[in-house]
Amino acid sequence: MSGRWLKELTIKKKIVAFTGFVFLIIFIAVFLAFLTMKFSVFDFRNILDENDLTNQLTVCLKEEAEAFETYMKNDKEENRRNLLRAVADSGKAIERLPQNFFEMGEERYARTQAIIRAYRVYADCRDEFMDVDREDERNLDKLYRIYDMQSYLRQYANNLMNLTISEGNEDYQNKIPVFRAMPYVIGMTGIILLVIMICWSRSLNRTIVAPMLSLADAARKIAENDFYIDDVEVVNEDELGELVHAFNKMKYATGEYISALEGQRETLDLLHARELEQLEMEKKLEAIRLEVLKSQIKPHFLFNTLNVIAGMANLEDAQTTEKMIQALSNLFRYNLKTTDVYVPLAKEIKVLEDYMYLQQMRFGTRITYELICDVNRDAVLVPPFIFQPLAENAIIHGLSPKESGGRILVHIRKEMENLFITVRDTGVGMEEEELSALLNSLTGEEMQTRGIGLKNVYERIKKLYRDSEFEISSNVGEGTTIQIRLDLSET
């Protein structure tokens, strides 16, 4: 199989030949299995069935004769029904007898036909005698004739049964040697086919599988930018051999092309690096321009203006206006001048109180505010701009849409090295889908209008405290709760 003809044979013909050989093996296996099953199941079962049919005929004829004799002695209705049932059974047994001349043989076929004809004559005599006067002595000859016919039929049936059994045994004995030799035939055939299959599989592996694996290995190395590997060697002269030769040529051509591209890429990298440097310079210039623009805005002008307005409100005895302006001034000063990473909790609470004072002046009694602080405000440091965005979010999205307003509760407590901050409102709350979208916006790139302030707080907390928690829960009509846990040991 390893000759030149196999190397020149096309892949399609190799596969067709291998497939045909596999089908041949399957056919032989099925054929041998059929022969074994035919003898062990069908032929043996046929012998048993024929023996059983002749035995049933013998039994039915005997039962019919006994039932007929009983009826002749006593013509009760019950005995008549038994006779009719026995007659029907005998008729069925006669009909079921095998009548295939080629399968039965001449002698058994002749005896079967003789029984069938004799039973028909007997049945006519029996039926005719059933309608005559049995007490008439002239009919006794007919009765004895029927008895004699029953005896002959039973004898014929016994002879047929013996002949059937004898032929079945002879047929069985003739097939026994074949059946005993069948396992050896199957075993030898299987070994021969297995050896041929192994040899053929090795040839296919040598002429198809091995070259394909070598080709795949070379392709993986080329995918890793190794274009200087050895050529793939193959002895095939079929389509696979042509493919390998073309692959080797393509490898060389691609290697040269990649080398040229590498030189071009290095040049482009230098140009790109220069472009990045130029863009970086432009960004710095833009930042400088922005800083210059910011510097033109004087925060002190805003503070001084607010102080002047507060002074005028004081002169005009407008204490509420003065307090509102002072609170607003504090908020501006805190937002513009606070650059520290951490601030005392007291400052954050002061900003929150100023903000809530302005909102209460705006909404009046619609909004109530309560602060519960169970920690030392001056001894705890927190990130700036934490409380005011949370309270603002609760007012804008929770309490403002609610006609009756509501309440904001801020609770601050400490356990061990953990600071727990809870901001709860009794606003309109959120549906599950809206809450899920808000939570996704905190951890994703999408930004919702409702979550701008929350996302800013969330990101700063996650950056400053690796072991932190930020949870939001909400129910429609009941409000929203934000719970934050900060690990103060990371401050």
Protein backbone atom coordinates (compact mmCIF):
# COMPACT_ATOMS: atom_id res chain seq x y z
CA MET A 1 0.00 0.00 0.00
CA SER A 2 2.98 2.25 0.33
CA GLY A 3 3.85 1.97 -3.37
CA ARG A 4 4.08 4.73 -5.88
CA TRP A 5 0.49 4.23 -7.00
CA LEU A 6 -0.79 5.26 -3.55
CA LYS A 7 1.33 8.43 -3.57
CA GLU A 8 -0.04 9.42 -6.97
CA LEU A 9 -3.62 8.57 -6.05
CA THR A 10 -5.76 11.69 -5.48
CA ILE A 11 -7.14 12.46 -2.02
CA LYS A 12 -10.71 12.05 -3.26
CA LYS A 13 -9.97 8.57 -4.61
CA LYS A 14 -8.18 7.63 -1.39
CA ILE A 15 -11.17 8.69 0.69
CA VAL A 16 -13.61 6.97 -1.69
CA ALA A 17 -11.57 3.75 -1.53
CA PHE A 18 -11.34 3.92 2.26
CA THR A 19 -15.08 4.62 2.57
CA GLY A 20 -15.87 1.73 0.22
CA PHE A 21 -13.68 -0.57 2.27
CA VAL A 22 -15.46 0.49 5.45
CA PHE A 23 -18.83 -0.21 3.86
CA LEU A 24 -17.51 -3.60 2.72
CA ILE A 25 -16.51 -4.43 6.30
CA ILE A 26 -19.94 -3.34 7.54
CA PHE A 27 -21.65 -5.45 4.86
CA ILE A 28 -19.60 -8.53 5.72
CA ALA A 29 -20.25 -8.06 9.44
CA VAL A 30 -23.99 -7.63 8.83
CA PHE A 31 -24.06 -10.64 6.51
CA LEU A 32 -22.28 -12.89 9.01
CA ALA A 33 -24.52 -11.64 11.80
CA PHE A 34 -27.56 -12.33 9.61
CA LEU A 35 -26.41 -15.89 8.93
CA THR A 36 -25.85 -16.48 12.62
CA MET A 37 -29.22 -14.99 13.52
CA LYS A 38 -30.96 -16.88 10.72
CA PHE A 39 -29.87 -20.22 12.11
CA SER A 40 -29.96 -19.39 15.82
CA VAL A 41 -33.29 -17.57 15.69
CA PHE A 42 -35.24 -18.00 12.47
CA ASP A 43 -34.35 -21.56 11.39
CA PHE A 44 -34.46 -23.00 14.89
CA ARG A 45 -37.65 -21.10 15.64
CA ASN A 46 -39.19 -22.41 12.40
CA ILE A 47 -38.39 -26.00 13.43
CA LEU A 48 -39.99 -25.44 16.84
CA ASP A 49 -43.06 -23.77 15.29
CA GLU A 50 -43.64 -26.62 12.85
CA ASN A 51 -43.31 -29.17 15.63
CA ASP A 52 -45.71 -27.15 17.76
CA LEU A 53 -48.29 -26.89 14.94
CA THR A 54 -48.33 -30.64 14.34
CA ASN A 55 -48.54 -31.26 18.06
CA GLN A 56 -51.48 -28.84 18.33
CA LEU A 57 -53.23 -30.70 15.50
CA THR A 58 -52.81 -34.00 17.34
CA VAL A 59 -54.15 -32.51 20.58
CA CYS A 60 -57.11 -30.82 18.84
CA LEU A 61 -58.12 -34.00 17.00
CA LYS A 62 -57.98 -35.94 20.24
CA GLU A 63 -60.08 -33.34 22.09
CA GLU A 64 -62.60 -33.27 19.22
CA ALA A 65 -62.93 -37.09 19.28
CA GLU A 66 -63.47 -37.06 23.05
CA ALA A 67 -66.00 -34.23 22.80
CA PHE A 68 -67.84 -36.05 19.98
CA GLU A 69 -67.99 -39.26 21.99
CA THR A 70 -69.27 -37.39 25.07
CA TYR A 71 -71.96 -35.70 22.98
CA MET A 72 -73.02 -38.99 21.46
CA LYS A 73 -73.53 -40.44 24.94
CA ASN A 74 -75.33 -37.38 26.29
CA ASP A 75 -76.65 -34.73 23.90
CA LYS A 76 -76.89 -31.95 26.48
CA GLU A 77 -76.44 -28.38 25.28
CA GLU A 78 -73.22 -27.98 27.22
CA ASN A 79 -71.72 -31.05 25.55
CA ARG A 80 -72.82 -29.71 22.17
CA ARG A 81 -71.05 -26.37 22.85
CA ASN A 82 -67.88 -28.21 23.87
CA LEU A 83 -68.01 -30.24 20.65
CA LEU A 84 -68.49 -27.13 18.49
CA ARG A 85 -65.56 -25.43 20.25
CA ALA A 86 -63.36 -28.52 19.72
CA VAL A 87 -64.41 -28.65 16.04
CA ALA A 88 -63.47 -24.99 15.60
CA ASP A 89 -60.06 -25.60 17.22
CA SER A 90 -59.42 -28.55 14.93
CA GLY A 91 -60.31 -26.46 11.89
CA LYS A 92 -57.90 -23.72 12.93
CA ALA A 93 -55.14 -26.28 13.58
CA ILE A 94 -55.70 -27.72 10.06
CA GLU A 95 -55.52 -24.23 8.51
CA ARG A 96 -52.27 -23.38 10.33
CA LEU A 97 -50.43 -26.44 9.00
CA PRO A 98 -47.45 -25.51 6.72
CA GLN A 99 -48.22 -26.15 3.03
CA ASN A 100 -45.11 -24.86 1.25
CA PHE A 101 -43.92 -27.75 -0.93
CA PHE A 102 -40.36 -26.39 -1.37
CA GLU A 103 -39.82 -25.88 2.37
CA MET A 104 -41.55 -29.09 3.57
CA GLY A 105 -40.38 -31.67 1.11
CA GLU A 106 -42.45 -34.15 -0.92
CA GLU A 107 -43.29 -36.69 1.78
CA ARG A 108 -44.37 -34.25 4.52
CA TYR A 109 -46.32 -32.18 1.98
CA ALA A 110 -48.16 -35.30 0.77
CA ARG A 111 -49.07 -36.35 4.30
CA THR A 112 -50.26 -32.85 5.12
CA GLN A 113 -52.51 -32.74 2.06
CA ALA A 114 -53.81 -36.23 2.89
CA ILE A 115 -54.77 -35.07 6.40
CA ILE A 116 -56.50 -31.97 4.99
CA ARG A 117 -58.53 -34.02 2.48
CA ALA A 118 -59.35 -36.70 5.03
CA TYR A 119 -60.49 -34.11 7.54
CA ARG A 120 -62.82 -32.55 4.96
CA VAL A 121 -64.44 -35.94 4.28
CA TYR A 122 -64.65 -36.60 7.99
CA ALA A 123 -66.16 -33.19 8.65
CA ASP A 124 -68.88 -33.75 6.04
CA CYS A 125 -69.77 -37.12 7.58
CA ARG A 126 -69.72 -35.68 11.09
CA ASP A 127 -71.94 -32.75 10.19
CA GLU A 128 -74.35 -35.01 8.31
CA PHE A 129 -74.61 -37.41 11.25
CA MET A 130 -75.36 -34.52 13.63
CA ASP A 131 -78.70 -33.99 11.84
CA VAL A 132 -79.94 -37.65 11.75
CA ASP A 133 -81.76 -39.65 14.35
CA ARG A 134 -79.01 -41.25 16.37
CA GLU A 135 -81.47 -43.76 17.98
CA ASP A 136 -82.16 -45.31 14.59
CA GLU A 137 -80.11 -48.49 14.40
CA ARG A 138 -79.59 -47.94 10.69
CA ASN A 139 -77.33 -44.96 11.52
CA LEU A 140 -74.97 -46.91 13.78
CA ASP A 141 -72.79 -47.81 10.83
CA LYS A 142 -72.31 -44.13 10.10
CA LEU A 143 -71.36 -43.50 13.72
CA TYR A 144 -68.75 -46.25 13.75
CA ARG A 145 -67.43 -45.00 10.46
CA ILE A 146 -66.94 -41.57 12.04
CA TYR A 147 -65.11 -43.17 14.94
CA ASP A 148 -62.88 -45.00 12.52
CA MET A 149 -62.19 -41.78 10.60
CA GLN A 150 -61.29 -40.00 13.85
CA SER A 151 -58.88 -42.78 14.68
CA TYR A 152 -57.32 -42.61 11.22
CA LEU A 153 -57.00 -38.82 11.45
CA ARG A 154 -55.27 -39.04 14.83
CA GLN A 155 -52.94 -41.69 13.48
CA TYR A 156 -52.19 -39.54 10.42
CA ALA A 157 -51.57 -36.55 12.68
CA ASN A 158 -49.19 -38.57 14.88
CA ASN A 159 -47.32 -39.77 11.80
CA LEU A 160 -47.08 -36.21 10.50
CA MET A 161 -45.84 -34.97 13.88
CA ASN A 162 -43.21 -37.72 14.05
CA LEU A 163 -42.10 -36.98 10.51
CA THR A 164 -41.92 -33.24 11.22
CA ILE A 165 -39.90 -33.79 14.38
CA SER A 166 -37.62 -36.22 12.57
CA GLU A 167 -36.98 -33.83 9.67
CA GLY A 168 -36.51 -30.92 12.09
CA ASN A 169 -33.93 -32.87 14.06
CA GLU A 170 -32.17 -33.88 10.86
CA ASP A 171 -32.14 -30.29 9.62
CA TYR A 172 -30.85 -29.12 13.00
CA GLN A 173 -28.07 -31.73 13.02
CA ASN A 174 -27.05 -30.75 9.49
CA LYS A 175 -26.73 -27.08 10.47
CA ILE A 176 -24.93 -27.68 13.76
CA PRO A 177 -21.46 -27.97 12.15
CA VAL A 178 -22.01 -24.74 10.24
CA PHE A 179 -23.18 -23.01 13.39
CA ARG A 180 -20.18 -24.28 15.35
CA ALA A 181 -17.79 -23.13 12.63
CA MET A 182 -19.45 -19.71 12.40
CA PRO A 183 -17.50 -18.12 15.35
CA TYR A 184 -14.19 -19.21 13.80
CA VAL A 185 -15.22 -17.84 10.42
CA ILE A 186 -16.31 -14.55 11.98
CA GLY A 187 -13.13 -14.33 14.05
CA MET A 188 -10.79 -15.01 11.11
CA THR A 189 -12.72 -12.65 8.87
CA GLY A 190 -12.58 -9.94 11.54
CA ILE A 191 -8.81 -10.38 12.00
CA ILE A 192 -8.16 -10.21 8.26
CA LEU A 193 -10.34 -7.12 7.85
CA LEU A 194 -8.74 -5.51 10.92
CA VAL A 195 -5.24 -6.04 9.53
CA ILE A 196 -6.26 -4.59 6.18
CA MET A 197 -7.92 -1.64 7.92
CA ILE A 198 -4.81 -0.94 10.03
CA CYS A 199 -2.54 -1.04 6.99
CA TRP A 200 -4.86 1.22 5.04
CA SER A 201 -5.18 3.64 7.98
CA ARG A 202 -1.40 3.86 8.31
CA SER A 203 -1.11 4.63 4.62
CA LEU A 204 -3.72 7.37 4.89
CA ASN A 205 -1.98 8.74 7.97
CA ARG A 206 1.36 8.79 6.14
CA THR A 207 0.01 10.37 2.96
CA ILE A 208 -2.69 12.72 4.34
CA VAL A 209 -2.69 13.22 8.12
CA ALA A 210 1.08 13.59 8.66
CA PRO A 211 1.53 16.17 5.86
CA MET A 212 -1.50 18.11 7.14
CA LEU A 213 -0.08 18.20 10.67
CA SER A 214 3.28 19.41 9.36
CA LEU A 215 1.49 22.06 7.33
CA ALA A 216 -0.56 23.16 10.35
CA ASP A 217 2.58 23.37 12.55
CA ALA A 218 4.31 25.51 9.93
CA ALA A 219 1.23 27.75 9.69
CA ARG A 220 1.24 28.28 13.48
CA LYS A 221 4.89 29.31 13.38
CA ILE A 222 4.20 31.72 10.54
CA ALA A 223 1.30 33.15 12.57
CA GLU A 224 3.92 33.89 15.25
CA ASN A 225 5.90 35.90 12.63
CA ASP A 226 8.52 33.18 12.12
CA PHE A 227 8.93 33.16 8.35
CA TYR A 228 12.35 31.52 8.31
CA ILE A 229 11.35 27.98 9.22
CA ASP A 230 12.35 24.96 7.14
CA ASP A 231 10.24 24.00 4.17
CA VAL A 232 7.49 21.46 4.74
CA GLU A 233 8.57 18.18 3.14
CA VAL A 234 6.10 15.80 1.55
CA VAL A 235 6.48 12.86 -0.85
CA ASN A 236 2.91 13.06 -2.15
CA GLU A 237 2.25 13.85 -5.79
CA ASP A 238 -1.45 14.51 -5.23
CA GLU A 239 -3.34 17.71 -4.41
CA LEU A 240 -1.81 17.81 -0.94
CA GLY A 241 1.71 17.74 -2.43
CA GLU A 242 0.82 20.64 -4.72
CA LEU A 243 -0.62 22.52 -1.73
CA VAL A 244 2.58 22.05 0.29
CA HIS A 245 4.80 23.24 -2.58
CA ALA A 246 2.59 26.31 -3.04
CA PHE A 247 2.69 26.93 0.74
CA ASN A 248 6.51 26.90 0.76
CA LYS A 249 6.60 29.42 -2.08
CA MET A 250 4.04 31.63 -0.34
CA LYS A 251 6.08 31.44 2.87
CA TYR A 252 9.14 32.89 1.17
CA ALA A 253 7.14 35.57 -0.62
CA THR A 254 5.29 36.55 2.57
CA GLY A 255 8.54 36.71 4.53
CA GLU A 256 10.04 39.15 2.05
CA TYR A 257 6.85 41.20 2.08
CA ILE A 258 6.73 41.27 5.89
CA SER A 259 10.36 42.42 6.02
CA ALA A 260 9.48 45.30 3.73
CA LEU A 261 6.45 46.12 5.86
CA GLU A 262 8.58 46.05 9.02
CA GLY A 263 10.87 48.71 7.58
CA GLN A 264 7.89 50.77 6.56
CA ARG A 265 6.31 50.31 9.99
CA GLU A 266 9.43 51.56 11.77
CA THR A 267 9.34 54.68 9.62
CA LEU A 268 5.64 55.17 10.37
CA ASP A 269 6.30 54.65 14.09
CA LEU A 270 8.82 57.47 14.07
CA LEU A 271 6.37 59.72 12.28
CA HIS A 272 3.61 58.71 14.68
CA ALA A 273 5.80 59.40 17.71
CA ARG A 274 6.49 62.87 16.38
CA GLU A 275 2.78 63.44 15.80
CA LEU A 276 2.06 62.33 19.39
CA GLU A 277 4.66 64.75 20.69
CA GLN A 278 3.06 67.51 18.69
CA LEU A 279 -0.40 66.60 19.98
CA GLU A 280 0.93 66.52 23.54
CA MET A 281 2.37 69.99 23.04
CA GLU A 282 -0.96 71.22 21.68
CA LYS A 283 -2.77 69.73 24.72
CA LYS A 284 -0.39 71.53 27.07
CA LEU A 285 -0.96 74.78 25.21
CA GLU A 286 -4.72 74.30 25.48
CA ALA A 287 -4.38 73.61 29.21
CA ILE A 288 -2.32 76.74 29.62
CA ARG A 289 -4.94 78.77 27.73
CA LEU A 290 -7.66 77.30 29.99
CA GLU A 291 -5.71 78.13 33.13
CA VAL A 292 -5.22 81.64 31.84
CA LEU A 293 -8.93 81.93 31.23
CA LYS A 294 -9.71 80.61 34.70
CA SER A 295 -7.30 83.03 36.29
CA GLN A 296 -9.25 85.86 34.76
CA ILE A 297 -12.21 84.90 36.94
CA LYS A 298 -11.61 86.34 40.35
CA PRO A 299 -13.31 84.31 43.09
CA HIS A 300 -12.64 87.12 45.52
CA PHE A 301 -14.79 89.42 43.38
CA LEU A 302 -17.72 87.01 43.88
CA PHE A 303 -17.07 86.69 47.61
CA ASN A 304 -16.67 90.47 48.05
CA THR A 305 -19.84 91.12 46.08
CA LEU A 306 -21.79 88.63 48.21
CA ASN A 307 -20.35 90.25 51.37
CA VAL A 308 -21.43 93.69 50.15
CA ILE A 309 -24.95 92.36 49.50
CA ALA A 310 -24.94 90.75 52.94
CA GLY A 311 -23.82 94.05 54.47
CA MET A 312 -26.62 95.92 52.69
CA ALA A 313 -29.13 93.28 53.92
CA ASN A 314 -27.80 93.85 57.46
CA LEU A 315 -28.21 97.62 57.15
CA GLU A 316 -31.74 97.09 55.88
CA ASP A 317 -32.37 94.68 58.78
CA ALA A 318 -33.07 91.76 56.37
CA GLN A 319 -31.65 89.02 58.55
CA THR A 320 -33.06 86.12 56.54
CA THR A 321 -31.64 87.51 53.30
CA GLU A 322 -28.30 88.06 54.99
CA LYS A 323 -28.25 84.48 56.28
CA MET A 324 -29.11 83.08 52.84
CA ILE A 325 -26.38 85.13 51.15
CA GLN A 326 -23.89 84.05 53.80
CA ALA A 327 -24.80 80.38 53.26
CA LEU A 328 -24.45 80.74 49.50
CA SER A 329 -21.12 82.51 49.95
CA ASN A 330 -19.87 79.65 52.12
CA LEU A 331 -20.86 77.12 49.45
CA PHE A 332 -19.00 79.03 46.72
CA ARG A 333 -15.94 79.50 48.89
CA TYR A 334 -15.88 75.75 49.79
CA ASN A 335 -16.34 74.59 46.20
CA LEU A 336 -13.70 76.92 44.73
CA LYS A 337 -11.01 76.86 47.40
CA THR A 338 -11.10 73.26 48.70
CA THR A 339 -8.25 71.34 47.06
CA ASP A 340 -7.43 68.85 49.84
CA VAL A 341 -7.98 65.12 49.29
CA TYR A 342 -9.51 64.75 52.78
CA VAL A 343 -11.31 67.33 54.92
CA PRO A 344 -12.70 67.17 58.47
CA LEU A 345 -16.20 65.79 58.70
CA ALA A 346 -17.27 69.01 60.40
CA LYS A 347 -16.61 71.02 57.19
CA GLU A 348 -18.67 68.62 55.09
CA ILE A 349 -21.54 68.77 57.57
CA LYS A 350 -21.36 72.61 57.60
CA VAL A 351 -21.61 72.68 53.80
CA LEU A 352 -24.54 70.24 53.95
CA GLU A 353 -26.35 72.38 56.53
CA ASP A 354 -25.83 75.57 54.47
CA TYR A 355 -27.14 73.80 51.37
CA MET A 356 -30.18 72.38 53.17
CA TYR A 357 -30.88 75.81 54.70
CA LEU A 358 -31.07 77.33 51.20
CA GLN A 359 -33.27 74.49 49.95
CA GLN A 360 -35.63 74.81 52.94
CA MET A 361 -35.91 78.53 52.27
CA ARG A 362 -36.78 77.62 48.68
CA PHE A 363 -39.29 74.83 49.31
CA GLY A 364 -40.54 75.97 52.71
CA THR A 365 -42.23 73.31 54.81
CA ARG A 366 -42.35 70.84 51.91
CA ILE A 367 -38.89 69.60 52.80
CA THR A 368 -37.66 68.67 56.27
CA TYR A 369 -34.11 67.70 57.16
CA GLU A 370 -32.62 65.73 60.03
CA LEU A 371 -28.96 64.99 60.79
CA ILE A 372 -27.85 62.29 63.23
CA CYS A 373 -24.09 62.26 63.79
CA ASP A 374 -22.76 59.72 66.28
CA VAL A 375 -19.06 60.48 65.72
CA ASN A 376 -16.59 63.21 66.59
CA ARG A 377 -16.91 65.60 63.66
CA ASP A 378 -13.47 67.13 64.09
CA ALA A 379 -11.61 63.82 64.50
CA VAL A 380 -12.83 62.09 61.32
CA LEU A 381 -11.53 62.90 57.82
CA VAL A 382 -13.66 62.30 54.73
CA PRO A 383 -13.34 63.19 51.01
CA PRO A 384 -14.81 66.63 50.18
CA PHE A 385 -18.03 67.14 48.22
CA ILE A 386 -19.71 63.94 49.47
CA PHE A 387 -22.85 64.95 51.34
CA GLN A 388 -24.05 67.94 49.29
CA PRO A 389 -24.33 66.00 45.93
CA LEU A 390 -26.24 63.19 47.67
CA ALA A 391 -28.67 65.63 49.29
CA GLU A 392 -29.05 67.53 46.02
CA ASN A 393 -29.83 64.31 44.16
CA ALA A 394 -32.45 63.37 46.80
CA ILE A 395 -34.17 66.79 46.49
CA ILE A 396 -34.13 67.08 42.70
CA HIS A 397 -35.11 63.53 41.83
CA GLY A 398 -36.84 62.32 44.96
CA LEU A 399 -38.67 65.11 46.85
CA SER A 400 -39.16 67.84 44.23
CA PRO A 401 -41.45 65.74 41.95
CA LYS A 402 -43.55 64.81 44.98
CA GLU A 403 -46.32 67.33 45.56
CA SER A 404 -46.29 66.92 49.32
CA GLY A 405 -42.51 67.08 49.53
CA GLY A 406 -40.82 64.86 52.06
CA ARG A 407 -37.99 64.31 54.50
CA ILE A 408 -34.23 63.79 54.22
CA LEU A 409 -32.39 61.89 56.93
CA VAL A 410 -28.58 61.84 57.13
CA HIS A 411 -27.17 59.36 59.63
CA ILE A 412 -23.43 59.09 60.35
CA ARG A 413 -22.05 56.39 62.62
CA LYS A 414 -18.79 54.58 63.24
CA GLU A 415 -18.03 50.94 63.99
CA MET A 416 -14.40 50.01 64.59
CA GLU A 417 -12.49 51.53 61.64
CA ASN A 418 -15.56 51.76 59.40
CA LEU A 419 -17.58 54.94 58.87
CA PHE A 420 -21.18 54.36 57.78
CA ILE A 421 -23.05 57.16 55.97
CA THR A 422 -26.77 56.78 55.23
CA VAL A 423 -28.79 59.32 53.19
CA ARG A 424 -32.47 58.43 53.07
CA ASP A 425 -35.36 60.36 51.50
CA THR A 426 -39.10 59.77 51.42
CA GLY A 427 -39.47 60.81 47.78
CA VAL A 428 -41.07 59.18 44.77
CA GLY A 429 -38.57 56.31 44.62
CA MET A 430 -37.63 54.32 41.51
CA GLU A 431 -38.84 51.31 39.55
CA GLU A 432 -36.55 48.24 39.48
CA GLU A 433 -35.58 48.92 35.85
CA GLU A 434 -34.73 52.56 36.59
CA LEU A 435 -32.70 51.57 39.65
CA SER A 436 -30.85 48.89 37.66
CA ALA A 437 -30.02 51.41 34.92
CA LEU A 438 -28.73 53.86 37.55
CA LEU A 439 -26.49 51.22 39.16
CA ASN A 440 -25.14 50.24 35.73
CA SER A 441 -24.33 53.86 34.95
CA LEU A 442 -22.23 54.09 38.13
CA THR A 443 -19.91 51.26 37.09
CA GLY A 444 -20.11 51.76 33.27
CA GLU A 445 -19.28 54.48 30.80
CA GLU A 446 -22.87 55.54 30.16
CA MET A 447 -23.95 58.64 32.01
CA GLN A 448 -27.52 59.36 33.08
CA THR A 449 -28.78 62.81 33.94
CA ARG A 450 -29.99 61.50 37.26
CA GLY A 451 -26.64 59.96 38.17
CA ILE A 452 -24.04 62.63 37.34
CA GLY A 453 -23.49 63.69 40.96
CA LEU A 454 -23.79 60.12 42.25
CA LYS A 455 -21.27 58.82 39.70
CA ASN A 456 -18.78 61.52 40.71
CA VAL A 457 -19.13 60.58 44.39
CA TYR A 458 -18.97 56.85 43.58
CA GLU A 459 -15.80 57.13 41.49
CA ARG A 460 -13.95 59.28 44.04
CA ILE A 461 -14.86 56.92 46.89
CA LYS A 462 -13.73 53.87 44.90
CA LYS A 463 -10.42 55.55 44.07
CA LEU A 464 -9.71 56.69 47.64
CA TYR A 465 -10.99 53.59 49.47
CA ARG A 466 -10.28 50.19 47.94
CA ASP A 467 -12.37 48.43 50.60
CA SER A 468 -15.50 50.55 50.36
CA GLU A 469 -19.20 49.92 49.72
CA PHE A 470 -21.73 52.05 47.85
CA GLU A 471 -25.28 50.69 47.81
CA ILE A 472 -28.58 52.14 46.55
CA SER A 473 -32.04 50.77 47.34
CA SER A 474 -35.38 52.26 46.33
CA ASN A 475 -39.10 51.50 46.34
CA VAL A 476 -41.72 53.35 44.33
CA GLY A 477 -43.70 55.72 46.55
CA GLU A 478 -41.48 55.03 49.59
CA GLY A 479 -38.20 56.72 48.71
CA THR A 480 -34.54 55.99 48.11
CA THR A 481 -31.69 55.05 50.46
CA ILE A 482 -27.96 55.41 49.79
CA GLN A 483 -25.57 53.60 52.13
CA ILE A 484 -21.82 54.19 52.09
CA ARG A 485 -19.12 52.38 54.08
CA LEU A 486 -15.63 53.90 54.27
CA ASP A 487 -12.61 52.10 55.74
CA LEU A 488 -10.99 54.91 57.78
CA SER A 489 -7.78 52.89 58.11
CA GLU A 490 -7.07 53.74 54.43
CA THR A 491 -7.27 57.51 55.09
